[in-house]
């Protein structure tokens, strides 16, 4: 898939978020990258050659407070190659992009992995 087409899927996933979540998204950049670097894998505890679909880097909204001015925006990276590698169809790519974007945005709002997994289970049952 061309990167520009993949980026469109990321934008579509963002538009699927509830309006109140979209309105609270600030100070965060969402980027697409082909694959994670060895540093990004190491930082998340994934071994080289492992699969990382997305990565949140920053200070969650729940941790913001005094003294947090003048810092770089949070960054959410969606790894196109990783998603394409595990998906078996275009439709599955689209679904995975939505899940990964949602997952990383949940980190932006202060949810940890356990909390996100519980929310994902509820979300998939809808």
PDB file of N, CA and C in Angstrom:
ATOM      1  N   UNK A   1       0.848  -1.167   0.000  1.00  0.00           N
ATOM      2  CA  UNK A   1       0.000   0.000   0.000  1.00  0.00           C
ATOM      3  C   UNK A   1       0.900   1.239   0.000  1.00  0.00           C
ATOM      4  N   UNK A   2       0.519   2.231  -0.760  1.00  0.00           N
ATOM      5  CA  UNK A   2       1.269   3.474  -0.775  1.00  0.00           C
ATOM      6  C   UNK A   2       1.126   4.181   0.569  1.00  0.00           C
ATOM      7  N   UNK A   3       2.168   4.884   0.966  1.00  0.00           N
ATOM      8  CA  UNK A   3       2.146   5.570   2.258  1.00  0.00           C
ATOM      9  C   UNK A   3       0.996   6.572   2.336  1.00  0.00           C
ATOM     10  N   UNK A   4       0.734   7.293   1.246  1.00  0.00           N
ATOM     11  CA  UNK A   4      -0.350   8.290   1.272  1.00  0.00           C
ATOM     12  C   UNK A   4      -1.707   7.629   1.488  1.00  0.00           C
ATOM     13  N   UNK A   5      -1.903   6.414   0.942  1.00  0.00           N
ATOM     14  CA  UNK A   5      -3.156   5.683   1.158  1.00  0.00           C
ATOM     15  C   UNK A   5      -3.268   5.207   2.602  1.00  0.00           C
ATOM     16  N   UNK A   6      -2.136   4.782   3.139  1.00  0.00           N
ATOM     17  CA  UNK A   6      -2.114   4.357   4.541  1.00  0.00           C
ATOM     18  C   UNK A   6      -2.412   5.544   5.460  1.00  0.00           C
ATOM     19  N   UNK A   7      -1.836   6.698   5.149  1.00  0.00           N
ATOM     20  CA  UNK A   7      -2.082   7.902   5.942  1.00  0.00           C
ATOM     21  C   UNK A   7      -3.559   8.272   5.918  1.00  0.00           C
ATOM     22  N   UNK A   8      -4.228   8.042   4.790  1.00  0.00           N
ATOM     23  CA  UNK A   8      -5.674   8.299   4.710  1.00  0.00           C
ATOM     24  C   UNK A   8      -6.429   7.406   5.683  1.00  0.00           C
ATOM     25  N   UNK A   9      -5.982   6.147   5.812  1.00  0.00           N
ATOM     26  CA  UNK A   9      -6.626   5.243   6.774  1.00  0.00           C
ATOM     27  C   UNK A   9      -6.464   5.757   8.202  1.00  0.00           C
ATOM     28  N   UNK A  10      -5.287   6.301   8.496  1.00  0.00           N
ATOM     29  CA  UNK A  10      -5.046   6.861   9.834  1.00  0.00           C
ATOM     30  C   UNK A  10      -5.988   8.037  10.073  1.00  0.00           C
ATOM     31  N   UNK A  11      -6.137   8.903   9.078  1.00  0.00           N
ATOM     32  CA  UNK A  11      -7.038  10.055   9.213  1.00  0.00           C
ATOM     33  C   UNK A  11      -8.484   9.598   9.374  1.00  0.00           C
ATOM     34  N   UNK A  12      -8.876   8.574   8.639  1.00  0.00           N
ATOM     35  CA  UNK A  12     -10.228   8.025   8.777  1.00  0.00           C
ATOM     36  C   UNK A  12     -10.446   7.474  10.181  1.00  0.00           C
ATOM     37  N   UNK A  13      -9.440   6.802  10.709  1.00  0.00           N
ATOM     38  CA  UNK A  13      -9.543   6.260  12.070  1.00  0.00           C
ATOM     39  C   UNK A  13      -9.730   7.389  13.082  1.00  0.00           C
ATOM     40  N   UNK A  14      -9.045   8.491  12.873  1.00  0.00           N
ATOM     41  CA  UNK A  14      -9.190   9.650  13.761  1.00  0.00           C
ATOM     42  C   UNK A  14     -10.611  10.205  13.704  1.00  0.00           C
ATOM     43  N   UNK A  15     -11.178  10.239  12.508  1.00  0.00           N
ATOM     44  CA  UNK A  15     -12.529  10.782  12.341  1.00  0.00           C
ATOM     45  C   UNK A  15     -13.593   9.902  13.000  1.00  0.00           C
ATOM     46  N   UNK A  16     -13.273   8.625  13.232  1.00  0.00           N
ATOM     47  CA  UNK A  16     -14.207   7.703  13.877  1.00  0.00           C
ATOM     48  C   UNK A  16     -14.283   7.904  15.390  1.00  0.00           C
ATOM     49  N   UNK A  17     -13.326   8.637  15.938  1.00  0.00           N
ATOM     50  CA  UNK A  17     -13.329   8.888  17.378  1.00  0.00           C
ATOM     51  C   UNK A  17     -14.535   9.745  17.740  1.00  0.00           C
ATOM     52  N   UNK A  18     -15.083   9.548  18.932  1.00  0.00           N
ATOM     53  CA  UNK A  18     -16.182  10.418  19.366  1.00  0.00           C
ATOM     54  C   UNK A  18     -15.740  11.884  19.340  1.00  0.00           C
ATOM     55  N   UNK A  19     -16.671  12.763  19.025  1.00  0.00           N
ATOM     56  CA  UNK A  19     -16.377  14.200  18.891  1.00  0.00           C
ATOM     57  C   UNK A  19     -15.695  14.756  20.137  1.00  0.00           C
ATOM     58  N   UNK A  20     -16.174  14.343  21.325  1.00  0.00           N
ATOM     59  CA  UNK A  20     -15.598  14.895  22.557  1.00  0.00           C
ATOM     60  C   UNK A  20     -14.129  14.485  22.735  1.00  0.00           C
ATOM     61  N   UNK A  21     -13.739  13.342  22.192  1.00  0.00           N
ATOM     62  CA  UNK A  21     -12.334  12.923  22.237  1.00  0.00           C
ATOM     63  C   UNK A  21     -11.533  13.741  21.226  1.00  0.00           C
ATOM     64  N   UNK A  22     -12.055  13.868  20.026  1.00  0.00           N
ATOM     65  CA  UNK A  22     -11.376  14.658  18.992  1.00  0.00           C
ATOM     66  C   UNK A  22     -11.107  16.082  19.478  1.00  0.00           C
ATOM     67  N   UNK A  23     -12.066  16.653  20.166  1.00  0.00           N
ATOM     68  CA  UNK A  23     -11.932  18.033  20.644  1.00  0.00           C
ATOM     69  C   UNK A  23     -10.865  18.172  21.732  1.00  0.00           C
ATOM     70  N   UNK A  24     -10.587  17.096  22.450  1.00  0.00           N
ATOM     71  CA  UNK A  24      -9.590  17.151  23.524  1.00  0.00           C
ATOM     72  C   UNK A  24      -8.187  16.754  23.056  1.00  0.00           C
ATOM     73  N   UNK A  25      -8.078  16.366  21.800  1.00  0.00           N
ATOM     74  CA  UNK A  25      -6.765  16.006  21.245  1.00  0.00           C
ATOM     75  C   UNK A  25      -5.996  17.287  20.963  1.00  0.00           C
ATOM     76  N   UNK A  26      -4.951  17.518  21.725  1.00  0.00           N
ATOM     77  CA  UNK A  26      -4.096  18.661  21.440  1.00  0.00           C
ATOM     78  C   UNK A  26      -2.677  18.324  21.854  1.00  0.00           C
ATOM     79  N   UNK A  27      -1.756  19.061  21.299  1.00  0.00           N
ATOM     80  CA  UNK A  27      -0.344  18.870  21.600  1.00  0.00           C
ATOM     81  C   UNK A  27       0.114  17.439  21.324  1.00  0.00           C
ATOM     82  N   UNK A  28      -0.404  16.873  20.221  1.00  0.00           N
ATOM     83  CA  UNK A  28       0.000  15.523  19.826  1.00  0.00           C
ATOM     84  C   UNK A  28       0.097  15.452  18.303  1.00  0.00           C
ATOM     85  N   UNK A  29       1.196  14.889  17.832  1.00  0.00           N
ATOM     86  CA  UNK A  29       1.401  14.677  16.397  1.00  0.00           C
ATOM     87  C   UNK A  29       1.236  13.189  16.109  1.00  0.00           C
ATOM     88  N   UNK A  30       0.528  12.881  15.035  1.00  0.00           N
ATOM     89  CA  UNK A  30       0.363  11.482  14.630  1.00  0.00           C
ATOM     90  C   UNK A  30       1.083  11.308  13.307  1.00  0.00           C
ATOM     91  N   UNK A  31       2.045  10.383  13.299  1.00  0.00           N
ATOM     92  CA  UNK A  31       2.867  10.167  12.111  1.00  0.00           C
ATOM     93  C   UNK A  31       2.834   8.698  11.702  1.00  0.00           C
ATOM     94  N   UNK A  32       3.118   8.466  10.430  1.00  0.00           N
ATOM     95  CA  UNK A  32       3.228   7.115   9.902  1.00  0.00           C
ATOM     96  C   UNK A  32       4.696   6.861   9.584  1.00  0.00           C
ATOM     97  N   UNK A  33       5.162   5.710   9.970  1.00  0.00           N
ATOM     98  CA  UNK A  33       6.534   5.300   9.707  1.00  0.00           C
ATOM     99  C   UNK A  33       6.498   3.867   9.199  1.00  0.00           C
ATOM    100  N   UNK A  34       7.397   3.513   8.320  1.00  0.00           N
ATOM    101  CA  UNK A  34       7.384   2.168   7.740  1.00  0.00           C
ATOM    102  C   UNK A  34       7.571   1.092   8.808  1.00  0.00           C
ATOM    103  N   UNK A  35       8.622   1.228   9.616  1.00  0.00           N
ATOM    104  CA  UNK A  35       8.867   0.222  10.657  1.00  0.00           C
ATOM    105  C   UNK A  35       9.572   0.872  11.839  1.00  0.00           C
ATOM    106  N   UNK A  36       9.472   0.254  13.002  1.00  0.00           N
ATOM    107  CA  UNK A  36      10.125   0.816  14.191  1.00  0.00           C
ATOM    108  C   UNK A  36      11.645   0.654  14.127  1.00  0.00           C
ATOM    109  N   UNK A  37      12.334   1.595  14.724  1.00  0.00           N
ATOM    110  CA  UNK A  37      13.795   1.507  14.827  1.00  0.00           C
ATOM    111  C   UNK A  37      14.167   0.530  15.937  1.00  0.00           C
ATOM    112  N   UNK A  38      15.418   0.149  15.986  1.00  0.00           N
ATOM    113  CA  UNK A  38      15.869  -0.736  17.061  1.00  0.00           C
ATOM    114  C   UNK A  38      15.724  -0.022  18.411  1.00  0.00           C
ATOM    115  N   UNK A  39      15.914   1.292  18.432  1.00  0.00           N
ATOM    116  CA  UNK A  39      15.732   2.066  19.667  1.00  0.00           C
ATOM    117  C   UNK A  39      14.274   1.996  20.135  1.00  0.00           C
ATOM    118  N   UNK A  40      13.340   2.162  19.203  1.00  0.00           N
ATOM    119  CA  UNK A  40      11.915   2.124  19.566  1.00  0.00           C
ATOM    120  C   UNK A  40      11.519   0.743  20.074  1.00  0.00           C
ATOM    121  N   UNK A  41      12.042  -0.288  19.446  1.00  0.00           N
ATOM    122  CA  UNK A  41      11.759  -1.640  19.920  1.00  0.00           C
ATOM    123  C   UNK A  41      12.330  -1.854  21.319  1.00  0.00           C
ATOM    124  N   UNK A  42      13.579  -1.432  21.487  1.00  0.00           N
ATOM    125  CA  UNK A  42      14.241  -1.602  22.782  1.00  0.00           C
ATOM    126  C   UNK A  42      13.502  -0.838  23.879  1.00  0.00           C
ATOM    127  N   UNK A  43      13.065   0.375  23.564  1.00  0.00           N
ATOM    128  CA  UNK A  43      12.364   1.218  24.537  1.00  0.00           C
ATOM    129  C   UNK A  43      11.071   0.561  25.030  1.00  0.00           C
ATOM    130  N   UNK A  44      10.422  -0.209  24.157  1.00  0.00           N
ATOM    131  CA  UNK A  44       9.161  -0.849  24.530  1.00  0.00           C
ATOM    132  C   UNK A  44       9.359  -2.264  25.057  1.00  0.00           C
ATOM    133  N   UNK A  45      10.601  -2.737  25.048  1.00  0.00           N
ATOM    134  CA  UNK A  45      10.877  -4.074  25.550  1.00  0.00           C
ATOM    135  C   UNK A  45      10.655  -5.176  24.525  1.00  0.00           C
ATOM    136  N   UNK A  46      10.474  -4.787  23.268  1.00  0.00           N
ATOM    137  CA  UNK A  46      10.278  -5.781  22.202  1.00  0.00           C
ATOM    138  C   UNK A  46      11.630  -6.104  21.599  1.00  0.00           C
ATOM    139  N   UNK A  47      11.887  -7.375  21.407  1.00  0.00           N
ATOM    140  CA  UNK A  47      13.170  -7.793  20.834  1.00  0.00           C
ATOM    141  C   UNK A  47      13.245  -7.422  19.358  1.00  0.00           C
ATOM    142  N   UNK A  48      14.457  -7.212  18.877  1.00  0.00           N
ATOM    143  CA  UNK A  48      14.679  -6.919  17.462  1.00  0.00           C
ATOM    144  C   UNK A  48      14.008  -8.023  16.646  1.00  0.00           C
ATOM    145  N   UNK A  49      13.269  -7.618  15.645  1.00  0.00           N
ATOM    146  CA  UNK A  49      12.528  -8.581  14.841  1.00  0.00           C
ATOM    147  C   UNK A  49      11.107  -8.782  15.347  1.00  0.00           C
ATOM    148  N   UNK A  50      10.815  -8.237  16.527  1.00  0.00           N
ATOM    149  CA  UNK A  50       9.466  -8.321  17.072  1.00  0.00           C
ATOM    150  C   UNK A  50       8.539  -7.357  16.348  1.00  0.00           C
ATOM    151  N   UNK A  51       7.273  -7.430  16.680  1.00  0.00           N
ATOM    152  CA  UNK A  51       6.273  -6.610  15.997  1.00  0.00           C
ATOM    153  C   UNK A  51       5.757  -5.509  16.907  1.00  0.00           C
ATOM    154  N   UNK A  52       5.881  -4.280  16.432  1.00  0.00           N
ATOM    155  CA  UNK A  52       5.352  -3.117  17.128  1.00  0.00           C
ATOM    156  C   UNK A  52       4.459  -2.385  16.131  1.00  0.00           C
ATOM    157  N   UNK A  53       3.179  -2.259  16.452  1.00  0.00           N
ATOM    158  CA  UNK A  53       2.222  -1.663  15.527  1.00  0.00           C
ATOM    159  C   UNK A  53       2.091  -0.158  15.697  1.00  0.00           C
ATOM    160  N   UNK A  54       2.260   0.315  16.922  1.00  0.00           N
ATOM    161  CA  UNK A  54       2.146   1.738  17.198  1.00  0.00           C
ATOM    162  C   UNK A  54       2.916   2.081  18.455  1.00  0.00           C
ATOM    163  N   UNK A  55       3.214   3.369  18.605  1.00  0.00           N
ATOM    164  CA  UNK A  55       4.000   3.805  19.759  1.00  0.00           C
ATOM    165  C   UNK A  55       3.562   5.201  20.179  1.00  0.00           C
ATOM    166  N   UNK A  56       3.291   5.355  21.464  1.00  0.00           N
ATOM    167  CA  UNK A  56       2.982   6.661  22.041  1.00  0.00           C
ATOM    168  C   UNK A  56       4.200   7.142  22.796  1.00  0.00           C
ATOM    169  N   UNK A  57       4.606   8.380  22.527  1.00  0.00           N
ATOM    170  CA  UNK A  57       5.718   8.991  23.245  1.00  0.00           C
ATOM    171  C   UNK A  57       5.270  10.364  23.724  1.00  0.00           C
ATOM    172  N   UNK A  58       5.327  10.592  25.005  1.00  0.00           N
ATOM    173  CA  UNK A  58       4.950  11.891  25.517  1.00  0.00           C
ATOM    174  C   UNK A  58       4.522  11.851  26.966  1.00  0.00           C
ATOM    175  N   UNK A  59       3.834  12.909  27.355  1.00  0.00           N
ATOM    176  CA  UNK A  59       3.326  13.046  28.715  1.00  0.00           C
ATOM    177  C   UNK A  59       1.805  12.948  28.628  1.00  0.00           C
ATOM    178  N   UNK A  60       1.217  11.893  29.180  1.00  0.00           N
ATOM    179  CA  UNK A  60      -0.238  11.740  29.111  1.00  0.00           C
ATOM    180  C   UNK A  60      -0.965  12.932  29.724  1.00  0.00           C
ATOM    181  N   UNK A  61      -2.154  13.197  29.209  1.00  0.00           N
ATOM    182  CA  UNK A  61      -2.951  14.326  29.698  1.00  0.00           C
ATOM    183  C   UNK A  61      -3.180  14.252  31.207  1.00  0.00           C
ATOM    184  N   UNK A  62      -3.266  13.054  31.752  1.00  0.00           N
ATOM    185  CA  UNK A  62      -3.507  12.899  33.187  1.00  0.00           C
ATOM    186  C   UNK A  62      -2.305  13.312  34.025  1.00  0.00           C
ATOM    187  N   UNK A  63      -1.131  13.406  33.413  1.00  0.00           N
ATOM    188  CA  UNK A  63       0.079  13.774  34.146  1.00  0.00           C
ATOM    189  C   UNK A  63       0.442  15.247  33.969  1.00  0.00           C
ATOM    190  N   UNK A  64      -0.243  15.928  33.048  1.00  0.00           N
ATOM    191  CA  UNK A  64       0.072  17.339  32.807  1.00  0.00           C
ATOM    192  C   UNK A  64      -0.227  18.172  34.039  1.00  0.00           C
ATOM    193  N   UNK A  65       0.597  19.164  34.244  1.00  0.00           N
ATOM    194  CA  UNK A  65       0.378  20.071  35.359  1.00  0.00           C
ATOM    195  C   UNK A  65       1.340  21.233  35.271  1.00  0.00           C
ATOM    196  N   UNK A  66       1.541  21.853  36.382  1.00  0.00           N
ATOM    197  CA  UNK A  66       2.457  23.001  36.433  1.00  0.00           C
ATOM    198  C   UNK A  66       3.849  22.555  36.027  1.00  0.00           C
ATOM    199  N   UNK A  67       4.520  23.404  35.292  1.00  0.00           N
ATOM    200  CA  UNK A  67       5.889  23.118  34.893  1.00  0.00           C
ATOM    201  C   UNK A  67       5.999  22.305  33.624  1.00  0.00           C
ATOM    202  N   UNK A  68       4.874  22.038  32.950  1.00  0.00           N
ATOM    203  CA  UNK A  68       4.915  21.255  31.727  1.00  0.00           C
ATOM    204  C   UNK A  68       4.830  22.115  30.468  1.00  0.00           C
ATOM    205  N   UNK A  69       4.950  23.405  30.609  1.00  0.00           N
ATOM    206  CA  UNK A  69       4.934  24.273  29.435  1.00  0.00           C
ATOM    207  C   UNK A  69       6.229  24.144  28.652  1.00  0.00           C
ATOM    208  N   UNK A  70       6.181  24.545  27.406  1.00  0.00           N
ATOM    209  CA  UNK A  70       7.369  24.612  26.546  1.00  0.00           C
ATOM    210  C   UNK A  70       8.043  23.252  26.314  1.00  0.00           C
ATOM    211  N   UNK A  71       7.261  22.188  26.222  1.00  0.00           N
ATOM    212  CA  UNK A  71       7.839  20.898  25.860  1.00  0.00           C
ATOM    213  C   UNK A  71       7.295  20.491  24.499  1.00  0.00           C
ATOM    214  N   UNK A  72       7.997  19.603  23.850  1.00  0.00           N
ATOM    215  CA  UNK A  72       7.579  19.140  22.535  1.00  0.00           C
ATOM    216  C   UNK A  72       6.221  18.449  22.607  1.00  0.00           C
ATOM    217  N   UNK A  73       5.484  18.460  21.502  1.00  0.00           N
ATOM    218  CA  UNK A  73       4.201  17.738  21.493  1.00  0.00           C
ATOM    219  C   UNK A  73       4.408  16.242  21.683  1.00  0.00           C
ATOM    220  N   UNK A  74       3.377  15.582  22.173  1.00  0.00           N
ATOM    221  CA  UNK A  74       3.381  14.127  22.230  1.00  0.00           C
ATOM    222  C   UNK A  74       3.447  13.619  20.789  1.00  0.00           C
ATOM    223  N   UNK A  75       3.881  12.386  20.648  1.00  0.00           N
ATOM    224  CA  UNK A  75       3.999  11.802  19.309  1.00  0.00           C
ATOM    225  C   UNK A  75       3.413  10.400  19.316  1.00  0.00           C
ATOM    226  N   UNK A  76       2.536  10.150  18.358  1.00  0.00           N
ATOM    227  CA  UNK A  76       1.994   8.818  18.138  1.00  0.00           C
ATOM    228  C   UNK A  76       2.505   8.366  16.779  1.00  0.00           C
ATOM    229  N   UNK A  77       3.171   7.230  16.756  1.00  0.00           N
ATOM    230  CA  UNK A  77       3.685   6.686  15.503  1.00  0.00           C
ATOM    231  C   UNK A  77       2.932   5.409  15.185  1.00  0.00           C
ATOM    232  N   UNK A  78       2.434   5.328  13.959  1.00  0.00           N
ATOM    233  CA  UNK A  78       1.750   4.135  13.472  1.00  0.00           C
ATOM    234  C   UNK A  78       2.685   3.487  12.455  1.00  0.00           C
ATOM    235  N   UNK A  79       3.007   2.223  12.672  1.00  0.00           N
ATOM    236  CA  UNK A  79       3.994   1.531  11.844  1.00  0.00           C
ATOM    237  C   UNK A  79       3.313   0.751  10.714  1.00  0.00           C
ATOM    238  N   UNK A  80       3.352   1.333   9.543  1.00  0.00           N
ATOM    239  CA  UNK A  80       2.680   0.778   8.376  1.00  0.00           C
ATOM    240  C   UNK A  80       3.151  -0.634   8.039  1.00  0.00           C
ATOM    241  N   UNK A  81       4.456  -0.830   7.962  1.00  0.00           N
ATOM    242  CA  UNK A  81       4.987  -2.138   7.589  1.00  0.00           C
ATOM    243  C   UNK A  81       4.588  -3.236   8.560  1.00  0.00           C
ATOM    244  N   UNK A  82       4.588  -2.919   9.837  1.00  0.00           N
ATOM    245  CA  UNK A  82       4.210  -3.905  10.858  1.00  0.00           C
ATOM    246  C   UNK A  82       2.751  -4.314  10.706  1.00  0.00           C
ATOM    247  N   UNK A  83       1.891  -3.323  10.470  1.00  0.00           N
ATOM    248  CA  UNK A  83       0.463  -3.614  10.308  1.00  0.00           C
ATOM    249  C   UNK A  83       0.228  -4.426   9.043  1.00  0.00           C
ATOM    250  N   UNK A  84       0.858  -4.030   7.948  1.00  0.00           N
ATOM    251  CA  UNK A  84       0.696  -4.756   6.687  1.00  0.00           C
ATOM    252  C   UNK A  84       1.222  -6.187   6.792  1.00  0.00           C
ATOM    253  N   UNK A  85       2.257  -6.360   7.573  1.00  0.00           N
ATOM    254  CA  UNK A  85       2.869  -7.681   7.736  1.00  0.00           C
ATOM    255  C   UNK A  85       1.926  -8.684   8.404  1.00  0.00           C
ATOM    256  N   UNK A  86       1.130  -8.223   9.364  1.00  0.00           N
ATOM    257  CA  UNK A  86       0.274  -9.178  10.070  1.00  0.00           C
ATOM    258  C   UNK A  86      -1.144  -9.246   9.516  1.00  0.00           C
ATOM    259  N   UNK A  87      -1.519  -8.263   8.704  1.00  0.00           N
ATOM    260  CA  UNK A  87      -2.869  -8.264   8.133  1.00  0.00           C
ATOM    261  C   UNK A  87      -2.926  -9.172   6.908  1.00  0.00           C
ATOM    262  N   UNK A  88      -4.078  -9.810   6.714  1.00  0.00           N
ATOM    263  CA  UNK A  88      -4.224 -10.726   5.585  1.00  0.00           C
ATOM    264  C   UNK A  88      -5.050 -10.141   4.443  1.00  0.00           C
ATOM    265  N   UNK A  89      -5.564  -8.913   4.641  1.00  0.00           N
ATOM    266  CA  UNK A  89      -6.374  -8.291   3.590  1.00  0.00           C
ATOM    267  C   UNK A  89      -6.383  -6.778   3.779  1.00  0.00           C
ATOM    268  N   UNK A  90      -6.859  -6.061   2.771  1.00  0.00           N
ATOM    269  CA  UNK A  90      -6.989  -4.609   2.860  1.00  0.00           C
ATOM    270  C   UNK A  90      -7.964  -4.240   3.979  1.00  0.00           C
ATOM    271  N   UNK A  91      -9.029  -5.001   4.090  1.00  0.00           N
ATOM    272  CA  UNK A  91     -10.023  -4.737   5.132  1.00  0.00           C
ATOM    273  C   UNK A  91      -9.413  -4.918   6.521  1.00  0.00           C
ATOM    274  N   UNK A  92      -8.583  -5.925   6.674  1.00  0.00           N
ATOM    275  CA  UNK A  92      -7.931  -6.148   7.969  1.00  0.00           C
ATOM    276  C   UNK A  92      -6.926  -5.038   8.265  1.00  0.00           C
ATOM    277  N   UNK A  93      -6.244  -4.529   7.247  1.00  0.00           N
ATOM    278  CA  UNK A  93      -5.339  -3.392   7.446  1.00  0.00           C
ATOM    279  C   UNK A  93      -6.136  -2.209   7.993  1.00  0.00           C
ATOM    280  N   UNK A  94      -7.248  -1.930   7.359  1.00  0.00           N
ATOM    281  CA  UNK A  94      -8.093  -0.811   7.781  1.00  0.00           C
ATOM    282  C   UNK A  94      -8.550  -0.984   9.233  1.00  0.00           C
ATOM    283  N   UNK A  95      -8.982  -2.192   9.583  1.00  0.00           N
ATOM    284  CA  UNK A  95      -9.432  -2.476  10.947  1.00  0.00           C
ATOM    285  C   UNK A  95      -8.290  -2.331  11.954  1.00  0.00           C
ATOM    286  N   UNK A  96      -7.121  -2.862  11.607  1.00  0.00           N
ATOM    287  CA  UNK A  96      -5.971  -2.765  12.504  1.00  0.00           C
ATOM    288  C   UNK A  96      -5.531  -1.318  12.704  1.00  0.00           C
ATOM    289  N   UNK A  97      -5.555  -0.538  11.631  1.00  0.00           N
ATOM    290  CA  UNK A  97      -5.186   0.870  11.757  1.00  0.00           C
ATOM    291  C   UNK A  97      -6.106   1.554  12.764  1.00  0.00           C
ATOM    292  N   UNK A  98      -7.386   1.320  12.657  1.00  0.00           N
ATOM    293  CA  UNK A  98      -8.346   1.922  13.587  1.00  0.00           C
ATOM    294  C   UNK A  98      -8.045   1.502  15.020  1.00  0.00           C
ATOM    295  N   UNK A  99      -7.801   0.234  15.228  1.00  0.00           N
ATOM    296  CA  UNK A  99      -7.519  -0.280  16.581  1.00  0.00           C
ATOM    297  C   UNK A  99      -6.235   0.326  17.132  1.00  0.00           C
ATOM    298  N   UNK A 100      -5.188   0.363  16.311  1.00  0.00           N
ATOM    299  CA  UNK A 100      -3.884   0.866  16.777  1.00  0.00           C
ATOM    300  C   UNK A 100      -3.952   2.369  17.054  1.00  0.00           C
ATOM    301  N   UNK A 101      -4.591   3.121  16.173  1.00  0.00           N
ATOM    302  CA  UNK A 101      -4.731   4.565  16.406  1.00  0.00           C
ATOM    303  C   UNK A 101      -5.482   4.790  17.718  1.00  0.00           C
ATOM    304  N   UNK A 102      -6.603   4.102  17.897  1.00  0.00           N
ATOM    305  CA  UNK A 102      -7.388   4.234  19.117  1.00  0.00           C
ATOM    306  C   UNK A 102      -6.554   3.874  20.352  1.00  0.00           C
ATOM    307  N   UNK A 103      -5.802   2.785  20.249  1.00  0.00           N
ATOM    308  CA  UNK A 103      -4.968   2.294  21.350  1.00  0.00           C
ATOM    309  C   UNK A 103      -3.948   3.360  21.777  1.00  0.00           C
ATOM    310  N   UNK A 104      -3.253   3.928  20.796  1.00  0.00           N
ATOM    311  CA  UNK A 104      -2.216   4.906  21.116  1.00  0.00           C
ATOM    312  C   UNK A 104      -2.816   6.208  21.638  1.00  0.00           C
ATOM    313  N   UNK A 105      -3.973   6.596  21.131  1.00  0.00           N
ATOM    314  CA  UNK A 105      -4.648   7.791  21.642  1.00  0.00           C
ATOM    315  C   UNK A 105      -5.084   7.567  23.091  1.00  0.00           C
ATOM    316  N   UNK A 106      -5.470   6.350  23.423  1.00  0.00           N
ATOM    317  CA  UNK A 106      -5.818   6.041  24.818  1.00  0.00           C
ATOM    318  C   UNK A 106      -4.621   6.286  25.733  1.00  0.00           C
ATOM    319  N   UNK A 107      -3.419   5.953  25.261  1.00  0.00           N
ATOM    320  CA  UNK A 107      -2.209   6.248  26.049  1.00  0.00           C
ATOM    321  C   UNK A 107      -2.074   7.762  26.244  1.00  0.00           C
ATOM    322  N   UNK A 108      -2.368   8.531  25.205  1.00  0.00           N
ATOM    323  CA  UNK A 108      -2.300  10.001  25.286  1.00  0.00           C
ATOM    324  C   UNK A 108      -3.210  10.515  26.402  1.00  0.00           C
ATOM    325  N   UNK A 109      -4.313   9.818  26.627  1.00  0.00           N
ATOM    326  CA  UNK A 109      -5.259  10.224  27.670  1.00  0.00           C
ATOM    327  C   UNK A 109      -4.983   9.549  29.013  1.00  0.00           C
ATOM    328  N   UNK A 110      -3.846   8.861  29.124  1.00  0.00           N
ATOM    329  CA  UNK A 110      -3.412   8.349  30.418  1.00  0.00           C
ATOM    330  C   UNK A 110      -3.757   6.911  30.737  1.00  0.00           C
ATOM    331  N   UNK A 111      -4.333   6.177  29.787  1.00  0.00           N
ATOM    332  CA  UNK A 111      -4.664   4.772  30.037  1.00  0.00           C
ATOM    333  C   UNK A 111      -3.410   3.905  29.920  1.00  0.00           C
ATOM    334  N   UNK A 112      -3.279   2.923  30.816  1.00  0.00           N
ATOM    335  CA  UNK A 112      -2.156   1.988  30.720  1.00  0.00           C
ATOM    336  C   UNK A 112      -2.586   0.775  29.877  1.00  0.00           C
ATOM    337  N   UNK A 113      -1.652  -0.136  29.620  1.00  0.00           N
ATOM    338  CA  UNK A 113      -1.920  -1.292  28.753  1.00  0.00           C
ATOM    339  C   UNK A 113      -3.090  -2.140  29.253  1.00  0.00           C
ATOM    340  N   UNK A 114      -3.136  -2.410  30.541  1.00  0.00           N
ATOM    341  CA  UNK A 114      -4.206  -3.240  31.100  1.00  0.00           C
ATOM    342  C   UNK A 114      -5.566  -2.581  30.896  1.00  0.00           C
ATOM    343  N   UNK A 115      -5.648  -1.303  31.190  1.00  0.00           N
ATOM    344  CA  UNK A 115      -6.902  -0.575  31.016  1.00  0.00           C
ATOM    345  C   UNK A 115      -7.329  -0.553  29.545  1.00  0.00           C
ATOM    346  N   UNK A 116      -6.360  -0.351  28.669  1.00  0.00           N
ATOM    347  CA  UNK A 116      -6.665  -0.300  27.236  1.00  0.00           C
ATOM    348  C   UNK A 116      -7.154  -1.656  26.743  1.00  0.00           C
ATOM    349  N   UNK A 117      -6.530  -2.724  27.173  1.00  0.00           N
ATOM    350  CA  UNK A 117      -6.957  -4.068  26.748  1.00  0.00           C
ATOM    351  C   UNK A 117      -8.402  -4.333  27.159  1.00  0.00           C
ATOM    352  N   UNK A 118      -8.771  -3.912  28.367  1.00  0.00           N
ATOM    353  CA  UNK A 118     -10.154  -4.088  28.822  1.00  0.00           C
ATOM    354  C   UNK A 118     -11.115  -3.277  27.955  1.00  0.00           C
ATOM    355  N   UNK A 119     -10.733  -2.043  27.643  1.00  0.00           N
ATOM    356  CA  UNK A 119     -11.569  -1.199  26.791  1.00  0.00           C
ATOM    357  C   UNK A 119     -11.671  -1.765  25.368  1.00  0.00           C
ATOM    358  N   UNK A 120     -10.571  -2.300  24.864  1.00  0.00           N
ATOM    359  CA  UNK A 120     -10.577  -2.888  23.519  1.00  0.00           C
ATOM    360  C   UNK A 120     -11.526  -4.079  23.458  1.00  0.00           C
ATOM    361  N   UNK A 121     -11.544  -4.880  24.508  1.00  0.00           N
ATOM    362  CA  UNK A 121     -12.453  -6.029  24.544  1.00  0.00           C
ATOM    363  C   UNK A 121     -13.888  -5.559  24.479  1.00  0.00           C
ATOM    364  N   UNK A 122     -14.241  -4.531  25.233  1.00  0.00           N
ATOM    365  CA  UNK A 122     -15.597  -3.970  25.187  1.00  0.00           C
ATOM    366  C   UNK A 122     -15.893  -3.395  23.813  1.00  0.00           C
ATOM    367  N   UNK A 123     -14.932  -2.679  23.242  1.00  0.00           N
ATOM    368  CA  UNK A 123     -15.104  -2.015  21.952  1.00  0.00           C
ATOM    369  C   UNK A 123     -15.356  -3.033  20.838  1.00  0.00           C
ATOM    370  N   UNK A 124     -14.635  -4.138  20.862  1.00  0.00           N
ATOM    371  CA  UNK A 124     -14.798  -5.168  19.813  1.00  0.00           C
ATOM    372  C   UNK A 124     -16.128  -5.895  19.916  1.00  0.00           C
ATOM    373  N   UNK A 125     -16.729  -5.915  21.113  1.00  0.00           N
ATOM    374  CA  UNK A 125     -18.007  -6.596  21.297  1.00  0.00           C
ATOM    375  C   UNK A 125     -19.177  -5.773  20.787  1.00  0.00           C
ATOM    376  N   UNK A 126     -18.954  -4.497  20.493  1.00  0.00           N
ATOM    377  CA  UNK A 126     -20.040  -3.628  20.018  1.00  0.00           C
ATOM    378  C   UNK A 126     -20.526  -4.035  18.666  1.00  0.00           C
TER     379      UNK A 126
END
